[in-house]
C-alpha atoms as a PDB file:
ATOM      1  CA  MET A   1     -20.954  11.930  -2.084  1.00  0.00           C
ATOM      2  CA  MET A   2     -19.398  11.219  -5.449  1.00  0.00           C
ATOM      3  CA  SER A   3     -19.351  13.826  -8.190  1.00  0.00           C
ATOM      4  CA  SER A   4     -21.047  11.679 -10.843  1.00  0.00           C
ATOM      5  CA  LEU A   5     -22.750   8.813  -9.021  1.00  0.00           C
ATOM      6  CA  SER A   6     -24.710   8.629  -5.823  1.00  0.00           C
ATOM      7  CA  THR A   7     -23.981   5.898  -3.285  1.00  0.00           C
ATOM      8  CA  THR A   8     -27.405   4.402  -4.031  1.00  0.00           C
ATOM      9  CA  SER A   9     -26.745   4.111  -7.756  1.00  0.00           C
ATOM     10  CA  LEU A  10     -23.118   3.032  -7.361  1.00  0.00           C
ATOM     11  CA  LEU A  11     -23.744  -0.155  -5.402  1.00  0.00           C
ATOM     12  CA  PRO A  12     -25.843  -1.897  -8.084  1.00  0.00           C
ATOM     13  CA  LEU A  13     -23.246  -0.888 -10.663  1.00  0.00           C
ATOM     14  CA  LEU A  14     -20.495  -2.429  -8.571  1.00  0.00           C
ATOM     15  CA  LEU A  15     -22.431  -5.654  -8.089  1.00  0.00           C
ATOM     16  CA  PHE A  16     -23.262  -5.889 -11.794  1.00  0.00           C
ATOM     17  CA  SER A  17     -19.689  -5.123 -12.816  1.00  0.00           C
ATOM     18  CA  LEU A  18     -18.299  -7.761 -10.498  1.00  0.00           C
ATOM     19  CA  LEU A  19     -20.467 -10.338 -12.257  1.00  0.00           C
ATOM     20  CA  TRP A  20     -19.398  -9.644 -15.841  1.00  0.00           C
ATOM     21  CA  ALA A  21     -15.805  -8.575 -15.321  1.00  0.00           C
ATOM     22  CA  VAL A  22     -14.463 -11.571 -13.366  1.00  0.00           C
ATOM     23  CA  ILE A  23     -11.384 -12.955 -15.074  1.00  0.00           C
ATOM     24  CA  SER A  24      -9.227 -15.808 -13.883  1.00  0.00           C
ATOM     25  CA  VAL A  25      -5.533 -14.928 -13.940  1.00  0.00           C
ATOM     26  CA  ASP A  26      -4.071 -18.396 -13.345  1.00  0.00           C
ATOM     27  CA  ALA A  27      -2.904 -18.873 -16.924  1.00  0.00           C
ATOM     28  CA  SER A  28      -0.895 -15.646 -17.242  1.00  0.00           C
ATOM     29  CA  PHE A  29       1.312 -15.775 -14.152  1.00  0.00           C
ATOM     30  CA  GLN A  30       5.034 -15.753 -14.835  1.00  0.00           C
ATOM     31  CA  THR A  31       7.493 -17.963 -12.989  1.00  0.00           C
ATOM     32  CA  PRO A  32       7.672 -16.590  -9.415  1.00  0.00           C
ATOM     33  CA  LEU A  33      10.757 -14.663  -8.344  1.00  0.00           C
ATOM     34  CA  LEU A  34      12.256 -16.252  -5.231  1.00  0.00           C
ATOM     35  CA  LEU A  35      13.505 -13.834  -2.581  1.00  0.00           C
ATOM     36  CA  PRO A  36      17.021 -14.205  -1.110  1.00  0.00           C
ATOM     37  CA  ILE A  37      17.322 -16.857   1.596  1.00  0.00           C
ATOM     38  CA  LEU A  38      15.746 -16.010   4.989  1.00  0.00           C
ATOM     39  CA  MET A  39      13.799 -13.039   3.588  1.00  0.00           C
ATOM     40  CA  SER A  40      10.009 -13.021   3.209  1.00  0.00           C
ATOM     41  CA  GLY A  41       6.944 -10.818   2.792  1.00  0.00           C
ATOM     42  CA  PRO A  42       7.487  -8.513  -0.214  1.00  0.00           C
ATOM     43  CA  HIS A  43       4.873  -6.100   1.100  1.00  0.00           C
ATOM     44  CA  SER A  44       4.830  -3.222  -1.397  1.00  0.00           C
ATOM     45  CA  PHE A  45       6.494  -2.184  -4.660  1.00  0.00           C
ATOM     46  CA  ALA A  46       8.079   0.973  -6.007  1.00  0.00           C
ATOM     47  CA  PHE A  47       9.154   1.569  -9.583  1.00  0.00           C
ATOM     48  CA  ASN A  48      11.711   3.919 -11.066  1.00  0.00           C
ATOM     49  CA  SER A  49      10.656   4.928 -14.572  1.00  0.00           C
ATOM     50  CA  THR A  50      14.278   4.988 -15.738  1.00  0.00           C
ATOM     51  CA  GLU A  51      14.970   1.379 -14.703  1.00  0.00           C
ATOM     52  CA  ASN A  52      13.704  -2.024 -15.759  1.00  0.00           C
ATOM     53  CA  GLY A  53      12.963  -3.505 -12.360  1.00  0.00           C
ATOM     54  CA  PHE A  54      11.372  -2.822  -8.985  1.00  0.00           C
ATOM     55  CA  TYR A  55      12.025  -2.216  -5.293  1.00  0.00           C
ATOM     56  CA  THR A  56      10.312  -3.965  -2.383  1.00  0.00           C
ATOM     57  CA  GLY A  57      10.525  -4.032   1.411  1.00  0.00           C
ATOM     58  CA  VAL A  58      10.867  -7.393   3.158  1.00  0.00           C
ATOM     59  CA  SER A  59      11.338  -8.890   6.600  1.00  0.00           C
ATOM     60  CA  GLY A  60      14.415  -7.924   8.579  1.00  0.00           C
ATOM     61  CA  GLY A  61      14.120  -4.234   7.678  1.00  0.00           C
ATOM     62  CA  THR A  62      15.601  -4.618   4.199  1.00  0.00           C
ATOM     63  CA  ILE A  63      14.707  -2.892   0.929  1.00  0.00           C
ATOM     64  CA  LEU A  64      15.555  -5.044  -2.085  1.00  0.00           C
ATOM     65  CA  LYS A  65      16.129  -3.954  -5.668  1.00  0.00           C
ATOM     66  CA  TYR A  66      15.392  -6.357  -8.513  1.00  0.00           C
ATOM     67  CA  THR A  67      16.530  -6.187 -12.122  1.00  0.00           C
ATOM     68  CA  PRO A  68      16.402  -9.004 -14.691  1.00  0.00           C
ATOM     69  CA  GLU A  69      20.152  -8.658 -15.172  1.00  0.00           C
ATOM     70  CA  GLU A  70      21.248  -8.878 -11.517  1.00  0.00           C
ATOM     71  CA  GLY A  71      18.279 -10.419  -9.732  1.00  0.00           C
ATOM     72  CA  PHE A  72      17.719  -9.317  -6.133  1.00  0.00           C
ATOM     73  CA  VAL A  73      20.324  -7.123  -4.451  1.00  0.00           C
ATOM     74  CA  THR A  74      20.164  -5.253  -1.151  1.00  0.00           C
ATOM     75  CA  PHE A  75      19.417  -1.572  -1.744  1.00  0.00           C
ATOM     76  CA  ALA A  76      18.794  -0.190   1.744  1.00  0.00           C
ATOM     77  CA  HIS A  77      18.228  -0.941   5.436  1.00  0.00           C
ATOM     78  CA  ILE A  78      15.814   0.683   7.869  1.00  0.00           C
ATOM     79  CA  THR A  79      18.219   0.457  10.824  1.00  0.00           C
ATOM     80  CA  GLU A  80      21.888  -0.345  11.303  1.00  0.00           C
ATOM     81  CA  SER A  81      20.779  -3.642  12.831  1.00  0.00           C
ATOM     82  CA  SER A  82      19.000  -4.562   9.591  1.00  0.00           C
ATOM     83  CA  ASP A  83      22.329  -5.453   8.019  1.00  0.00           C
ATOM     84  CA  SER A  84      22.697  -8.453  10.308  1.00  0.00           C
ATOM     85  CA  LEU A  85      21.679 -12.104  10.208  1.00  0.00           C
ATOM     86  CA  LEU A  86      20.351 -11.595  13.736  1.00  0.00           C
ATOM     87  CA  CYS A  87      17.320  -9.852  12.213  1.00  0.00           C
ATOM     88  CA  TYR A  88      16.304 -13.117  10.563  1.00  0.00           C
ATOM     89  CA  ALA A  89      17.037 -15.250  13.606  1.00  0.00           C
ATOM     90  CA  LEU A  90      14.895 -13.196  15.986  1.00  0.00           C
ATOM     91  CA  GLN A  91      11.211 -13.998  16.260  1.00  0.00           C
ATOM     92  CA  GLU A  92       8.489 -11.435  15.672  1.00  0.00           C
ATOM     93  CA  PRO A  93       7.729  -8.863  16.931  1.00  0.00           C
ATOM     94  CA  ILE A  94      11.267  -8.550  18.336  1.00  0.00           C
ATOM     95  CA  SER A  95      12.815  -8.616  14.857  1.00  0.00           C
ATOM     96  CA  SER A  96      10.635  -5.793  13.520  1.00  0.00           C
ATOM     97  CA  GLU A  97      11.044  -3.686  16.650  1.00  0.00           C
ATOM     98  CA  ARG A  98      14.821  -3.885  16.348  1.00  0.00           C
ATOM     99  CA  CYS A  99      15.386  -4.118  12.598  1.00  0.00           C
ATOM    100  CA  GLY A 100      12.254  -2.638  11.036  1.00  0.00           C
ATOM    101  CA  ARG A 101       9.471  -3.930   8.805  1.00  0.00           C
ATOM    102  CA  PRO A 102       8.927  -1.842   5.640  1.00  0.00           C
ATOM    103  CA  ALA A 103       5.286  -1.564   4.583  1.00  0.00           C
ATOM    104  CA  GLY A 104       4.247   1.036   1.964  1.00  0.00           C
ATOM    105  CA  ILE A 105       7.007   2.443  -0.275  1.00  0.00           C
ATOM    106  CA  ALA A 106       7.036   4.933  -3.164  1.00  0.00           C
ATOM    107  CA  PHE A 107       9.485   7.079  -5.125  1.00  0.00           C
ATOM    108  CA  ASN A 108       9.615  10.810  -5.586  1.00  0.00           C
ATOM    109  CA  GLU A 109      10.316  10.634  -9.314  1.00  0.00           C
ATOM    110  CA  ASN A 110      11.867  14.097  -9.409  1.00  0.00           C
ATOM    111  CA  THR A 111      14.428  13.597  -6.638  1.00  0.00           C
ATOM    112  CA  GLY A 112      14.891   9.821  -6.769  1.00  0.00           C
ATOM    113  CA  ASP A 113      14.240   9.570  -3.013  1.00  0.00           C
ATOM    114  CA  LEU A 114      12.436   6.446  -1.842  1.00  0.00           C
ATOM    115  CA  TYR A 115       9.954   6.994   0.997  1.00  0.00           C
ATOM    116  CA  VAL A 116       9.146   4.134   3.355  1.00  0.00           C
ATOM    117  CA  ALA A 117       6.375   3.677   5.904  1.00  0.00           C
ATOM    118  CA  ASP A 118       7.858   1.199   8.358  1.00  0.00           C
ATOM    119  CA  ALA A 119       5.089  -0.582  10.256  1.00  0.00           C
ATOM    120  CA  LEU A 120       6.675  -0.103  13.685  1.00  0.00           C
ATOM    121  CA  LEU A 121       9.535   2.372  13.278  1.00  0.00           C
ATOM    122  CA  GLY A 122       7.946   5.310  11.462  1.00  0.00           C
ATOM    123  CA  LEU A 123       8.411   7.282   8.268  1.00  0.00           C
ATOM    124  CA  HIS A 124      11.792   7.015   6.532  1.00  0.00           C
ATOM    125  CA  VAL A 125      13.510   8.129   3.347  1.00  0.00           C
ATOM    126  CA  VAL A 126      16.303   6.489   1.355  1.00  0.00           C
ATOM    127  CA  SER A 127      18.539   8.514  -0.964  1.00  0.00           C
ATOM    128  CA  PRO A 128      18.981   7.459  -4.611  1.00  0.00           C
ATOM    129  CA  ALA A 129      22.285   5.867  -3.614  1.00  0.00           C
ATOM    130  CA  GLY A 130      20.610   3.517  -1.134  1.00  0.00           C
ATOM    131  CA  GLY A 131      22.201   2.518   2.158  1.00  0.00           C
ATOM    132  CA  LEU A 132      20.861   3.373   5.596  1.00  0.00           C
ATOM    133  CA  ALA A 133      17.404   4.968   5.654  1.00  0.00           C
ATOM    134  CA  VAL A 134      16.914   8.302   7.424  1.00  0.00           C
ATOM    135  CA  LYS A 135      14.066   8.498   9.927  1.00  0.00           C
ATOM    136  CA  LEU A 136      11.806  11.486   9.216  1.00  0.00           C
ATOM    137  CA  ALA A 137       9.135  10.991  11.876  1.00  0.00           C
ATOM    138  CA  ASP A 138       8.044   8.408  14.428  1.00  0.00           C
ATOM    139  CA  GLY A 139       4.954  10.286  15.603  1.00  0.00           C
ATOM    140  CA  VAL A 140       2.991  13.515  15.403  1.00  0.00           C
ATOM    141  CA  ASP A 141       1.983  16.030  18.080  1.00  0.00           C
ATOM    142  CA  GLY A 142       3.636  13.902  20.760  1.00  0.00           C
ATOM    143  CA  ASN A 143       1.726  10.757  19.760  1.00  0.00           C
ATOM    144  CA  PRO A 144       3.900   7.907  18.433  1.00  0.00           C
ATOM    145  CA  PHE A 145       2.858   6.048  15.309  1.00  0.00           C
ATOM    146  CA  LYS A 146       1.451   2.653  16.266  1.00  0.00           C
ATOM    147  CA  PHE A 147       1.046   0.794  12.980  1.00  0.00           C
ATOM    148  CA  LEU A 148       1.982   2.499   9.698  1.00  0.00           C
ATOM    149  CA  TYR A 149       0.886   0.816   6.492  1.00  0.00           C
ATOM    150  CA  GLY A 150       0.131   2.612   3.204  1.00  0.00           C
ATOM    151  CA  LEU A 151       2.216   5.326   1.520  1.00  0.00           C
ATOM    152  CA  ASP A 152       2.289   7.293  -1.721  1.00  0.00           C
ATOM    153  CA  VAL A 153       4.017  10.381  -3.104  1.00  0.00           C
ATOM    154  CA  ASP A 154       2.106  13.117  -4.931  1.00  0.00           C
ATOM    155  CA  PRO A 155       3.556  13.021  -8.473  1.00  0.00           C
ATOM    156  CA  THR A 156       2.936  16.757  -8.903  1.00  0.00           C
ATOM    157  CA  THR A 157       4.305  18.170  -5.637  1.00  0.00           C
ATOM    158  CA  GLY A 158       6.455  15.501  -3.977  1.00  0.00           C
ATOM    159  CA  ILE A 159       4.360  15.640  -0.792  1.00  0.00           C
ATOM    160  CA  VAL A 160       4.129  12.275   0.962  1.00  0.00           C
ATOM    161  CA  TYR A 161       0.828  10.786   2.150  1.00  0.00           C
ATOM    162  CA  PHE A 162       0.766   7.790   4.458  1.00  0.00           C
ATOM    163  CA  THR A 163      -1.622   5.924   6.741  1.00  0.00           C
ATOM    164  CA  SER A 164      -1.694   4.266  10.121  1.00  0.00           C
ATOM    165  CA  LEU A 165      -3.823   1.140  10.121  1.00  0.00           C
ATOM    166  CA  SER A 166      -4.540   1.771  13.793  1.00  0.00           C
ATOM    167  CA  SER A 167      -3.563   4.196  16.527  1.00  0.00           C
ATOM    168  CA  ARG A 168      -4.448   1.627  19.165  1.00  0.00           C
ATOM    169  CA  PHE A 169      -3.093  -1.732  17.996  1.00  0.00           C
ATOM    170  CA  SER A 170       0.303  -2.726  16.613  1.00  0.00           C
ATOM    171  CA  ALA A 171       1.158  -4.821  13.581  1.00  0.00           C
ATOM    172  CA  TYR A 172       1.092  -7.940  15.749  1.00  0.00           C
ATOM    173  CA  GLN A 173      -2.390  -7.361  17.130  1.00  0.00           C
ATOM    174  CA  MET A 174      -4.305  -7.689  13.874  1.00  0.00           C
ATOM    175  CA  HIS A 175      -6.746 -10.168  15.398  1.00  0.00           C
ATOM    176  CA  LEU A 176      -7.830  -7.543  17.936  1.00  0.00           C
ATOM    177  CA  LEU A 177      -8.010  -4.824  15.313  1.00  0.00           C
ATOM    178  CA  LEU A 178     -10.358  -6.937  13.179  1.00  0.00           C
ATOM    179  CA  THR A 179     -12.409  -8.441  16.006  1.00  0.00           C
ATOM    180  CA  LEU A 180     -13.113  -5.039  17.575  1.00  0.00           C
ATOM    181  CA  GLU A 181     -13.456  -3.343  14.155  1.00  0.00           C
ATOM    182  CA  ASP A 182     -10.986  -0.709  15.254  1.00  0.00           C
ATOM    183  CA  ALA A 183     -11.574   2.764  13.800  1.00  0.00           C
ATOM    184  CA  THR A 184      -8.538   4.707  15.014  1.00  0.00           C
ATOM    185  CA  GLY A 185      -6.637   4.812  11.722  1.00  0.00           C
ATOM    186  CA  LYS A 186      -5.345   8.097  10.303  1.00  0.00           C
ATOM    187  CA  LEU A 187      -4.147   9.699   7.084  1.00  0.00           C
ATOM    188  CA  TYR A 188      -1.028  11.848   7.374  1.00  0.00           C
ATOM    189  CA  LYS A 189       0.786  14.309   5.137  1.00  0.00           C
ATOM    190  CA  TYR A 190       4.545  14.871   5.194  1.00  0.00           C
ATOM    191  CA  ASP A 191       5.856  17.990   3.441  1.00  0.00           C
ATOM    192  CA  PRO A 192       9.583  17.595   2.578  1.00  0.00           C
ATOM    193  CA  SER A 193       9.976  21.385   2.292  1.00  0.00           C
ATOM    194  CA  THR A 194       8.873  22.043   5.878  1.00  0.00           C
ATOM    195  CA  LYS A 195       9.591  18.570   7.327  1.00  0.00           C
ATOM    196  CA  ALA A 196       6.197  18.775   9.049  1.00  0.00           C
ATOM    197  CA  VAL A 197       3.708  15.931   9.555  1.00  0.00           C
ATOM    198  CA  THR A 198       0.007  16.837   9.535  1.00  0.00           C
ATOM    199  CA  VAL A 199      -3.026  14.701  10.368  1.00  0.00           C
ATOM    200  CA  LEU A 200      -5.582  14.959   7.543  1.00  0.00           C
ATOM    201  CA  MET A 201      -8.125  12.280   8.474  1.00  0.00           C
ATOM    202  CA  GLU A 202      -8.984  10.446  11.703  1.00  0.00           C
ATOM    203  CA  GLY A 203     -11.386   7.722  12.779  1.00  0.00           C
ATOM    204  CA  LEU A 204     -10.535   5.501   9.817  1.00  0.00           C
ATOM    205  CA  GLY A 205     -11.431   1.814   9.933  1.00  0.00           C
ATOM    206  CA  GLY A 206      -8.391  -0.211   8.930  1.00  0.00           C
ATOM    207  CA  SER A 207      -6.807   2.430   6.668  1.00  0.00           C
ATOM    208  CA  ALA A 208      -4.599  -0.070   4.889  1.00  0.00           C
ATOM    209  CA  GLY A 209      -3.798   1.740   1.671  1.00  0.00           C
ATOM    210  CA  CYS A 210      -3.544   5.203   0.188  1.00  0.00           C
ATOM    211  CA  THR A 211      -2.744   6.586  -3.239  1.00  0.00           C
ATOM    212  CA  VAL A 212      -2.665  10.009  -4.882  1.00  0.00           C
ATOM    213  CA  SER A 213      -4.445  10.652  -8.179  1.00  0.00           C
ATOM    214  CA  SER A 214      -2.230  11.131 -11.211  1.00  0.00           C
ATOM    215  CA  ASP A 215      -3.111  14.850 -11.382  1.00  0.00           C
ATOM    216  CA  GLY A 216      -2.526  15.377  -7.654  1.00  0.00           C
ATOM    217  CA  SER A 217      -6.084  16.549  -7.012  1.00  0.00           C
ATOM    218  CA  PHE A 218      -7.042  13.970  -4.381  1.00  0.00           C
ATOM    219  CA  VAL A 219      -5.801  11.088  -2.267  1.00  0.00           C
ATOM    220  CA  LEU A 220      -7.741   7.842  -1.748  1.00  0.00           C
ATOM    221  CA  VAL A 221      -7.756   5.820   1.468  1.00  0.00           C
ATOM    222  CA  SER A 222      -9.081   2.257   1.661  1.00  0.00           C
ATOM    223  CA  GLN A 223     -10.919   1.269   4.847  1.00  0.00           C
ATOM    224  CA  PHE A 224     -10.558  -2.449   5.419  1.00  0.00           C
ATOM    225  CA  THR A 225     -12.942  -2.790   8.360  1.00  0.00           C
ATOM    226  CA  LYS A 226     -15.507  -0.286   7.046  1.00  0.00           C
ATOM    227  CA  ASN A 227     -15.640  -1.830   3.554  1.00  0.00           C
ATOM    228  CA  ASN A 228     -15.173   1.385   1.600  1.00  0.00           C
ATOM    229  CA  ILE A 229     -12.744   3.844   0.039  1.00  0.00           C
ATOM    230  CA  GLN A 230     -12.734   7.524   0.903  1.00  0.00           C
ATOM    231  CA  ARG A 231     -11.451  10.476  -1.078  1.00  0.00           C
ATOM    232  CA  TYR A 232      -9.688  13.452   0.482  1.00  0.00           C
ATOM    233  CA  TRP A 233      -9.548  16.412  -1.880  1.00  0.00           C
ATOM    234  CA  ILE A 234      -6.086  18.005  -1.978  1.00  0.00           C
ATOM    235  CA  LYS A 235      -6.870  20.918  -4.267  1.00  0.00           C
ATOM    236  CA  GLY A 236      -9.694  22.518  -6.212  1.00  0.00           C
ATOM    237  CA  PRO A 237     -13.042  23.824  -4.959  1.00  0.00           C
ATOM    238  CA  LYS A 238     -13.466  20.819  -2.651  1.00  0.00           C
ATOM    239  CA  ALA A 239      -9.962  21.050  -1.118  1.00  0.00           C
ATOM    240  CA  GLY A 240      -9.927  19.729   2.443  1.00  0.00           C
ATOM    241  CA  SER A 241     -13.258  17.917   2.125  1.00  0.00           C
ATOM    242  CA  ILE A 242     -13.883  14.180   2.406  1.00  0.00           C
ATOM    243  CA  GLU A 243     -16.363  12.007   0.509  1.00  0.00           C
ATOM    244  CA  ASP A 244     -17.106   8.365  -0.258  1.00  0.00           C
ATOM    245  CA  PHE A 245     -15.261   7.298  -3.399  1.00  0.00           C
ATOM    246  CA  SER A 246     -16.422   3.713  -3.671  1.00  0.00           C
ATOM    247  CA  ILE A 247     -18.644   1.451  -1.601  1.00  0.00           C
ATOM    248  CA  SER A 248     -17.533  -2.162  -1.783  1.00  0.00           C
ATOM    249  CA  PRO A 249     -20.075  -4.975  -1.847  1.00  0.00           C
ATOM    250  CA  SER A 250     -20.732  -5.909   1.774  1.00  0.00           C
ATOM    251  CA  GLN A 251     -18.535  -9.009   1.634  1.00  0.00           C
ATOM    252  CA  LEU A 252     -15.423  -7.312   0.169  1.00  0.00           C
ATOM    253  CA  ARG A 253     -12.874  -5.522   2.320  1.00  0.00           C
ATOM    254  CA  PRO A 254     -10.519  -3.225   0.346  1.00  0.00           C
ATOM    255  CA  SER A 255      -6.934  -3.277   1.520  1.00  0.00           C
ATOM    256  CA  SER A 256      -4.324  -1.739  -0.776  1.00  0.00           C
ATOM    257  CA  ILE A 257      -5.030   0.799  -3.498  1.00  0.00           C
ATOM    258  CA  ARG A 258      -2.559   2.023  -6.141  1.00  0.00           C
ATOM    259  CA  ARG A 259      -2.864   4.409  -9.061  1.00  0.00           C
ATOM    260  CA  ILE A 260      -2.109   3.041 -12.527  1.00  0.00           C
ATOM    261  CA  GLY A 261       0.485   5.425 -13.942  1.00  0.00           C
ATOM    262  CA  SER A 262      -1.074   8.465 -15.579  1.00  0.00           C
ATOM    263  CA  THR A 263      -4.273   6.675 -16.662  1.00  0.00           C
ATOM    264  CA  GLY A 264      -6.352   8.056 -13.795  1.00  0.00           C
ATOM    265  CA  ASN A 265      -7.434   4.522 -12.837  1.00  0.00           C
ATOM    266  CA  PHE A 266      -6.636   2.475  -9.719  1.00  0.00           C
ATOM    267  CA  TRP A 267      -6.094  -1.137  -8.707  1.00  0.00           C
ATOM    268  CA  VAL A 268      -7.656  -2.251  -5.419  1.00  0.00           C
ATOM    269  CA  ALA A 269      -6.828  -5.484  -3.629  1.00  0.00           C
ATOM    270  CA  ALA A 270      -9.748  -6.710  -1.537  1.00  0.00           C
ATOM    271  CA  VAL A 271     -10.455  -9.712   0.682  1.00  0.00           C
ATOM    272  CA  HIS A 272     -13.761 -11.559   0.840  1.00  0.00           C
ATOM    273  CA  LYS A 273     -15.044 -11.220   4.389  1.00  0.00           C
ATOM    274  CA  VAL A 274     -16.276 -14.829   4.623  1.00  0.00           C
ATOM    275  CA  THR A 275     -14.032 -16.935   2.378  1.00  0.00           C
ATOM    276  CA  ASN A 276     -10.803 -14.879   2.619  1.00  0.00           C
ATOM    277  CA  GLN A 277     -10.562 -15.199  -1.175  1.00  0.00           C
ATOM    278  CA  THR A 278      -8.720 -12.269  -2.715  1.00  0.00           C
ATOM    279  CA  ALA A 279     -10.247 -10.168  -5.475  1.00  0.00           C
ATOM    280  CA  ILE A 280      -8.576  -7.433  -7.504  1.00  0.00           C
ATOM    281  CA  VAL A 281     -10.732  -4.590  -8.793  1.00  0.00           C
ATOM    282  CA  LYS A 282      -9.866  -1.810 -11.239  1.00  0.00           C
ATOM    283  CA  LEU A 283     -11.659   1.495 -10.601  1.00  0.00           C
ATOM    284  CA  ASN A 284     -11.864   4.614 -12.743  1.00  0.00           C
ATOM    285  CA  PRO A 285     -11.535   8.184 -11.353  1.00  0.00           C
ATOM    286  CA  ASN A 286     -15.248   8.176 -10.449  1.00  0.00           C
ATOM    287  CA  GLY A 287     -15.034   4.993  -8.397  1.00  0.00           C
ATOM    288  CA  GLU A 288     -16.754   2.852 -11.041  1.00  0.00           C
ATOM    289  CA  VAL A 289     -15.627  -0.749 -11.473  1.00  0.00           C
ATOM    290  CA  LEU A 290     -13.907  -1.367 -14.803  1.00  0.00           C
ATOM    291  CA  GLN A 291     -12.635  -4.888 -14.205  1.00  0.00           C
ATOM    292  CA  ARG A 292     -12.308  -7.595 -11.598  1.00  0.00           C
ATOM    293  CA  LEU A 293      -9.643 -10.286 -11.463  1.00  0.00           C
ATOM    294  CA  SER A 294     -10.169 -13.429  -9.422  1.00  0.00           C
ATOM    295  CA  VAL A 295      -6.839 -14.732  -8.152  1.00  0.00           C
ATOM    296  CA  PRO A 296      -5.710 -18.117  -6.775  1.00  0.00           C
ATOM    297  CA  LEU A 297      -6.334 -19.053  -3.171  1.00  0.00           C
ATOM    298  CA  GLN A 298      -2.648 -18.819  -2.221  1.00  0.00           C
ATOM    299  CA  PHE A 299      -2.975 -15.023  -2.383  1.00  0.00           C
ATOM    300  CA  SER A 300      -5.258 -14.827   0.646  1.00  0.00           C
ATOM    301  CA  PHE A 301      -2.543 -12.770   2.376  1.00  0.00           C
ATOM    302  CA  LEU A 302      -2.204 -10.283  -0.472  1.00  0.00           C
ATOM    303  CA  SER A 303      -0.841  -6.924   0.698  1.00  0.00           C
ATOM    304  CA  GLU A 304      -0.712  -5.018  -2.599  1.00  0.00           C
ATOM    305  CA  VAL A 305      -1.303  -5.119  -6.335  1.00  0.00           C
ATOM    306  CA  ASN A 306       0.716  -2.623  -8.365  1.00  0.00           C
ATOM    307  CA  GLU A 307       0.893  -2.190 -12.144  1.00  0.00           C
ATOM    308  CA  PHE A 308       4.002  -1.228 -14.098  1.00  0.00           C
ATOM    309  CA  ASN A 309       4.860  -1.628 -17.788  1.00  0.00           C
ATOM    310  CA  GLY A 310       1.960  -3.943 -18.567  1.00  0.00           C
ATOM    311  CA  ALA A 311       2.335  -6.264 -15.586  1.00  0.00           C
ATOM    312  CA  LEU A 312       0.753  -6.652 -12.153  1.00  0.00           C
ATOM    313  CA  TYR A 313       3.032  -7.198  -9.152  1.00  0.00           C
ATOM    314  CA  PHE A 314       1.548  -9.065  -6.189  1.00  0.00           C
ATOM    315  CA  GLY A 315       2.779  -8.191  -2.703  1.00  0.00           C
ATOM    316  CA  THR A 316       2.253 -10.592   0.186  1.00  0.00           C
ATOM    317  CA  LEU A 317       2.689 -10.528   3.941  1.00  0.00           C
ATOM    318  CA  VAL A 318       4.322 -13.900   4.473  1.00  0.00           C
ATOM    319  CA  THR A 319       5.506 -15.654   1.288  1.00  0.00           C
ATOM    320  CA  ARG A 320       9.045 -15.788  -0.089  1.00  0.00           C
ATOM    321  CA  ILE A 321       8.131 -15.023  -3.687  1.00  0.00           C
ATOM    322  CA  VAL A 322       7.181 -12.104  -5.906  1.00  0.00           C
ATOM    323  CA  GLN A 323       4.435 -13.136  -8.312  1.00  0.00           C
ATOM    324  CA  ILE A 324       4.001 -11.209 -11.572  1.00  0.00           C
ATOM    325  CA  PHE A 325       1.002 -11.351 -13.887  1.00  0.00           C
ATOM    326  CA  LYS A 326       1.301 -10.162 -17.499  1.00  0.00           C
ATOM    327  CA  LEU A 327      -1.736  -8.162 -18.616  1.00  0.00           C
END
């Protein structure tokens, strides 16, 4: 249970908040940034506090870097094959199996290393210089990763947390995962000092996103098919325990979740179960709704919402643009 609100009292608060805090964001979108030709699906974003730009993983196993001065440039590749036009000529899932498909990404701010959860090819890291990614793990305890998705780095320790959406279905069996309400997702921890991968949570329902709190005390995991967010305590008197962080209204399925700098708050991207309309919800450290943004219908395939320097960055699974919304 939550530290300050019970599940029973939280649900009415969520429903009430979603009524008064709905804001349309159509008017404040900037001109979309078009990805390089053949590339699509800017899934997730990572930001380096010393630079004025962002990084994102796209189809073909490529990590792009964007700055206003240079636009998009290639920063890294998941495999040696990724640096080939063949990756964009092959159909899925062959392209991702051979070239990679980056999902969640995040920086270790202290080392400058960029960690990548590739949906099919496992956990990778890219040095500050870019280039070819180094594979860190493609499974744990003899069990290969099936479908990696979310990833974050603890800002206080550098430990990496990442999720598998399913341990049964791959990235190209989403229809089965949703139809059967698969609950074989997991939360993992990777410790760079020991190079060990540990399973922290099992039996998760569509564990699409994860994020670490700004003080490093807990990690949140969104459950897409179970309509809730769970908290795993990293340290403190509750270390190692699990509790409900937020219960979504029954028609909202939370997908990605990202912390908002050092504010202690989080942005959650959710999908309406019936209409497929996307909603964006800001939560405080107690799981209470602070704000909800209603976004245009074209974002029905939203993969992430991430805030940096007063702007929201919208990740998608299939489009060829990066959409930015000024707060």
